[in-house]
Amino acid sequence: QTLRVNTPIIHMPFYIRGGYIIPTQDPTNILSILELRKQPLGILAALDEKSTASGTFMIDDGDSTDSLSIGNFIEYDLQFQPDEKGTYQLACSVKNPNDITLDGEYPTINYVRVIGITEDVQEV
């Protein structure tokens, strides 16, 4: 399917398919990967028709050229879905094959932004 969207030249439309989670990070004034790793993440969840979203991201050790094949990475699997009461939950499972430490720095989540909630939000 092709969709044409008229937009001013100074704007860039950004579309996210429902059901996906995208980690975000502000790279402003960051000069190295080490500094970037210390910055908090944002989570952007675009819900699908079942009000769920998921996504996976990885952080490698920053040194190895073959970090995936030798297991020097951390993989984060994120799941966003409502429970039986209708309360939304963000769950994260972590896979760390070689128990790497990233110099003691693990990502923190600064915010979660959700697109596609159809009910009124009662509490945060």
Foldseek 3Di string as FASTA:
>chain_A
DDDDDDDDPVDDDDDDDAQEKDKAFDCPPPDDVLSRLQGAIEIEHHHDPQRKHKDKDKDALVPDPPRPVVQRIKMKIWIWHADPVRDIDIDIDIDRPVPDCSVVGHHHYPYYHYHDDPDDDDDD
